[in-house]
Protein backbone atom coordinates (compact mmCIF):
# COMPACT_ATOMS: atom_id res chain seq x y z
CA UNK A 1 32.34 18.16 -53.93
CA UNK A 2 29.85 17.46 -51.18
CA UNK A 3 28.80 20.28 -48.92
CA UNK A 4 29.10 20.08 -45.17
CA UNK A 5 25.83 20.38 -43.26
CA UNK A 6 25.31 23.78 -41.61
CA UNK A 7 26.38 24.15 -38.00
CA UNK A 8 23.69 23.89 -35.36
CA UNK A 9 23.36 24.24 -31.62
CA UNK A 10 23.99 21.12 -29.57
CA UNK A 11 21.01 19.80 -27.66
CA UNK A 12 21.27 19.27 -23.91
CA UNK A 13 22.79 15.86 -23.20
CA UNK A 14 23.63 15.25 -26.86
CA UNK A 15 26.71 13.11 -27.42
CA UNK A 16 29.01 13.34 -30.43
CA UNK A 17 28.89 10.43 -32.87
CA UNK A 18 31.40 7.66 -32.30
CA UNK A 19 34.57 8.15 -34.33
CA UNK A 20 34.80 6.07 -37.48
CA UNK A 21 37.77 3.74 -37.34
CA UNK A 22 38.96 2.96 -40.87
CA UNK A 23 39.16 -0.70 -41.82
CA UNK A 24 42.32 -2.38 -42.99
CA UNK A 25 42.48 -3.59 -46.58
CA UNK A 26 41.88 -7.16 -45.38
CA UNK A 27 38.90 -6.18 -43.20
CA UNK A 28 37.36 -4.10 -45.98
CA UNK A 29 37.86 -6.89 -48.52
CA UNK A 30 36.17 -9.42 -46.23
CA UNK A 31 33.14 -7.48 -45.03
CA UNK A 32 33.36 -3.84 -46.08
CA UNK A 33 31.62 -1.79 -48.71
CA UNK A 34 33.19 -1.03 -52.06
CA UNK A 35 34.04 2.47 -50.84
CA UNK A 36 35.61 1.16 -47.63
CA UNK A 37 37.85 -1.13 -49.69
CA UNK A 38 38.97 1.72 -51.97
CA UNK A 39 39.57 3.96 -48.92
CA UNK A 40 41.68 1.27 -47.24
CA UNK A 41 43.72 0.81 -50.42
CA UNK A 42 44.14 4.59 -50.70
CA UNK A 43 45.48 4.76 -47.15
CA UNK A 44 47.83 1.82 -47.70
CA UNK A 45 49.25 3.24 -50.94
CA UNK A 46 49.59 6.70 -49.36
CA UNK A 47 51.64 5.17 -46.53
CA UNK A 48 53.94 3.59 -49.12
CA UNK A 49 54.32 6.86 -51.01
CA UNK A 50 55.35 8.65 -47.80
CA UNK A 51 57.66 5.91 -46.57
CA UNK A 52 61.40 6.54 -46.81
CA UNK A 53 61.77 2.77 -47.33
CA UNK A 54 59.92 2.90 -50.67
CA UNK A 55 62.31 2.44 -53.54
CA UNK A 56 62.52 5.52 -55.81
CA UNK A 57 61.78 3.31 -58.83
CA UNK A 58 58.39 2.40 -57.25
CA UNK A 59 57.39 5.93 -56.30
CA UNK A 60 56.08 7.00 -59.72
CA UNK A 61 53.84 3.94 -60.09
CA UNK A 62 52.52 4.27 -56.54
CA UNK A 63 51.80 7.98 -56.99
CA UNK A 64 49.93 7.30 -60.23
CA UNK A 65 47.93 4.52 -58.60
CA UNK A 66 47.08 6.76 -55.65
CA UNK A 67 45.59 9.32 -58.03
CA UNK A 68 43.52 6.61 -59.75
CA UNK A 69 42.21 5.36 -56.41
CA UNK A 70 41.24 8.89 -55.32
CA UNK A 71 39.33 9.39 -58.60
CA UNK A 72 37.50 6.08 -58.07
CA UNK A 73 36.48 7.14 -54.55
CA UNK A 74 35.19 10.48 -55.89
CA UNK A 75 33.11 8.63 -58.48
CA UNK A 76 31.62 6.37 -55.80
CA UNK A 77 30.87 9.39 -53.59
CA UNK A 78 29.19 11.19 -56.50
CA UNK A 79 27.09 8.13 -57.30
CA UNK A 80 26.06 7.72 -53.66
CA UNK A 81 25.23 11.42 -53.35
CA UNK A 82 23.08 11.21 -56.47
CA UNK A 83 21.26 8.24 -54.92
CA UNK A 84 20.89 10.18 -51.66
CA UNK A 85 23.08 7.81 -49.66
CA UNK A 86 26.38 8.06 -47.82
CA UNK A 87 29.47 5.89 -48.03
CA UNK A 88 28.60 3.86 -44.95
CA UNK A 89 26.26 0.96 -44.53
CA UNK A 90 22.56 1.65 -44.13
CA UNK A 91 21.22 1.58 -40.60
CA UNK A 92 19.06 -1.40 -39.70
CA UNK A 93 15.38 -0.65 -39.71
CA UNK A 94 12.78 -2.35 -37.59
CA UNK A 95 11.00 -5.22 -39.31
CA UNK A 96 7.25 -4.89 -39.85
CA UNK A 97 5.79 -8.37 -40.40
CA UNK A 98 2.43 -6.92 -41.41
CA UNK A 99 4.05 -5.38 -44.48
CA UNK A 100 4.70 -8.85 -45.92
């Protein structure tokens, strides 16, 4: 489990980060990261598990799949944490032509 950063005082004029809007499965499949795709699938399957319209015969398979997806996301998070990265895309850095 990843630890939350310690709380700190807010600097004058500091704005909170923009909220992260989760991608749909289609958006994540087209241009998202592997983690974003798994997260979108997790959310979609979770909606089906909670839905009263889901047939009882499908509930066991969906619940099992939801657990598998959650485990996959945890593995990705652990791998990214080990590499010192987060689940999001890396921020663009300025290009230094003299380095080439």
